[in-house]
Amino acid sequence: MTAYIMNQCIICGTCWDICPKHAVEEFEDYYRITSECDDCGKCVKACPNYAIAKTVSIGKRLEERSNAEMDSGDS
């Protein structure tokens, strides 16, 4: 899995419709990206609510936040 659908998803179905690999599973009240994802990025670009992020970018943001907290003395 190379992308993650975050909480701000409004369950519009855009990602499900646009995925060429059919790597988005639809459930009653959420969507999930499966291991079939080939990292094309179409869902990330198409999401109207910016609710999809590549896991690498999430990890980078968390790392930057952690480093900033360490620099400021917060834990």
C-alpha atoms as a PDB file:
ATOM      1  CA  MET A   1       0.000   0.000   0.000  1.00  0.00           C
ATOM      2  CA  THR A   2       1.464   3.328  -0.978  1.00  0.00           C
ATOM      3  CA  ALA A   3      -1.332   5.751  -0.186  1.00  0.00           C
ATOM      4  CA  TYR A   4      -3.572   6.351   2.787  1.00  0.00           C
ATOM      5  CA  ILE A   5      -7.093   7.772   2.970  1.00  0.00           C
ATOM      6  CA  MET A   6      -7.317  10.085   5.946  1.00  0.00           C
ATOM      7  CA  ASN A   7     -10.208  11.092   8.198  1.00  0.00           C
ATOM      8  CA  GLN A   8     -11.206  14.105   6.111  1.00  0.00           C
ATOM      9  CA  CYS A   9     -12.547  11.714   3.445  1.00  0.00           C
ATOM     10  CA  ILE A  10     -16.123  12.703   2.560  1.00  0.00           C
ATOM     11  CA  ILE A  11     -16.871   9.319   0.949  1.00  0.00           C
ATOM     12  CA  CYS A  12     -17.512  10.862  -2.471  1.00  0.00           C
ATOM     13  CA  GLY A  13     -16.119   7.936  -4.492  1.00  0.00           C
ATOM     14  CA  THR A  14     -13.765   9.969  -6.669  1.00  0.00           C
ATOM     15  CA  CYS A  15     -10.774   7.787  -5.748  1.00  0.00           C
ATOM     16  CA  TRP A  16     -12.752   4.631  -6.416  1.00  0.00           C
ATOM     17  CA  ASP A  17     -13.841   5.908  -9.823  1.00  0.00           C
ATOM     18  CA  ILE A  18     -10.420   7.075 -10.981  1.00  0.00           C
ATOM     19  CA  CYS A  19      -8.170   4.215  -9.840  1.00  0.00           C
ATOM     20  CA  PRO A  20      -6.909   2.283 -12.896  1.00  0.00           C
ATOM     21  CA  LYS A  21      -5.877  -0.699 -10.731  1.00  0.00           C
ATOM     22  CA  HIS A  22      -9.160  -0.891  -8.794  1.00  0.00           C
ATOM     23  CA  ALA A  23      -7.067  -0.621  -5.641  1.00  0.00           C
ATOM     24  CA  VAL A  24      -9.709   1.225  -3.641  1.00  0.00           C
ATOM     25  CA  GLU A  25     -12.103  -0.852  -1.581  1.00  0.00           C
ATOM     26  CA  GLU A  26     -15.493   0.629  -0.860  1.00  0.00           C
ATOM     27  CA  PHE A  27     -17.143  -0.019   2.489  1.00  0.00           C
ATOM     28  CA  GLU A  28     -20.375   1.365   3.898  1.00  0.00           C
ATOM     29  CA  ASP A  29     -18.804   4.410   5.553  1.00  0.00           C
ATOM     30  CA  TYR A  30     -15.188   4.543   4.318  1.00  0.00           C
ATOM     31  CA  TYR A  31     -12.762   3.673   1.542  1.00  0.00           C
ATOM     32  CA  ARG A  32      -9.443   1.875   1.855  1.00  0.00           C
ATOM     33  CA  ILE A  33      -6.511   1.634  -0.551  1.00  0.00           C
ATOM     34  CA  THR A  34      -5.293  -1.927  -1.014  1.00  0.00           C
ATOM     35  CA  SER A  35      -1.931  -3.466  -1.813  1.00  0.00           C
ATOM     36  CA  GLU A  36      -2.917  -3.414  -5.503  1.00  0.00           C
ATOM     37  CA  CYS A  37      -1.997   0.294  -5.520  1.00  0.00           C
ATOM     38  CA  ASP A  38       0.874   0.983  -7.925  1.00  0.00           C
ATOM     39  CA  ASP A  39       1.559   4.504  -6.661  1.00  0.00           C
ATOM     40  CA  CYS A  40       0.275   6.275  -9.786  1.00  0.00           C
ATOM     41  CA  GLY A  41      -1.012   9.187  -7.694  1.00  0.00           C
ATOM     42  CA  LYS A  42      -4.259   9.675  -9.621  1.00  0.00           C
ATOM     43  CA  CYS A  43      -6.358   9.383  -6.469  1.00  0.00           C
ATOM     44  CA  VAL A  44      -4.164  11.845  -4.580  1.00  0.00           C
ATOM     45  CA  LYS A  45      -4.523  14.443  -7.342  1.00  0.00           C
ATOM     46  CA  ALA A  46      -8.263  13.826  -7.855  1.00  0.00           C
ATOM     47  CA  CYS A  47      -9.452  13.890  -4.243  1.00  0.00           C
ATOM     48  CA  PRO A  48     -11.593  17.023  -3.803  1.00  0.00           C
ATOM     49  CA  ASN A  49     -10.981  17.106  -0.048  1.00  0.00           C
ATOM     50  CA  TYR A  50      -7.230  16.379  -0.071  1.00  0.00           C
ATOM     51  CA  ALA A  51      -7.912  13.307   2.041  1.00  0.00           C
ATOM     52  CA  ILE A  52      -5.397  10.989   0.380  1.00  0.00           C
ATOM     53  CA  ALA A  53      -1.683  11.116   1.063  1.00  0.00           C
ATOM     54  CA  LYS A  54       1.185   8.922   0.114  1.00  0.00           C
ATOM     55  CA  THR A  55       2.497   7.118   3.174  1.00  0.00           C
ATOM     56  CA  VAL A  56       5.964   8.493   2.569  1.00  0.00           C
ATOM     57  CA  SER A  57       4.685  12.058   2.885  1.00  0.00           C
ATOM     58  CA  ILE A  58       2.829  11.197   6.097  1.00  0.00           C
ATOM     59  CA  GLY A  59       5.990   9.675   7.534  1.00  0.00           C
ATOM     60  CA  LYS A  60       8.008  12.712   6.516  1.00  0.00           C
ATOM     61  CA  ARG A  61       5.515  15.094   8.145  1.00  0.00           C
ATOM     62  CA  LEU A  62       5.552  13.074  11.369  1.00  0.00           C
ATOM     63  CA  GLU A  63       9.355  13.012  11.338  1.00  0.00           C
ATOM     64  CA  GLU A  64       9.538  16.782  10.794  1.00  0.00           C
ATOM     65  CA  ARG A  65       7.042  17.353  13.619  1.00  0.00           C
ATOM     66  CA  SER A  66       8.998  15.086  15.939  1.00  0.00           C
ATOM     67  CA  ASN A  67      12.265  16.849  15.095  1.00  0.00           C
ATOM     68  CA  ALA A  68      10.662  20.249  15.685  1.00  0.00           C
ATOM     69  CA  GLU A  69       9.352  19.116  19.079  1.00  0.00           C
ATOM     70  CA  MET A  70      12.790  17.797  20.031  1.00  0.00           C
ATOM     71  CA  ASP A  71      14.409  21.093  18.990  1.00  0.00           C
ATOM     72  CA  SER A  72      11.959  23.092  21.082  1.00  0.00           C
ATOM     73  CA  GLY A  73      12.221  20.794  24.082  1.00  0.00           C
ATOM     74  CA  ASP A  74       8.630  19.447  23.819  1.00  0.00           C
ATOM     75  CA  SER A  75       8.080  15.682  24.097  1.00  0.00           C
END
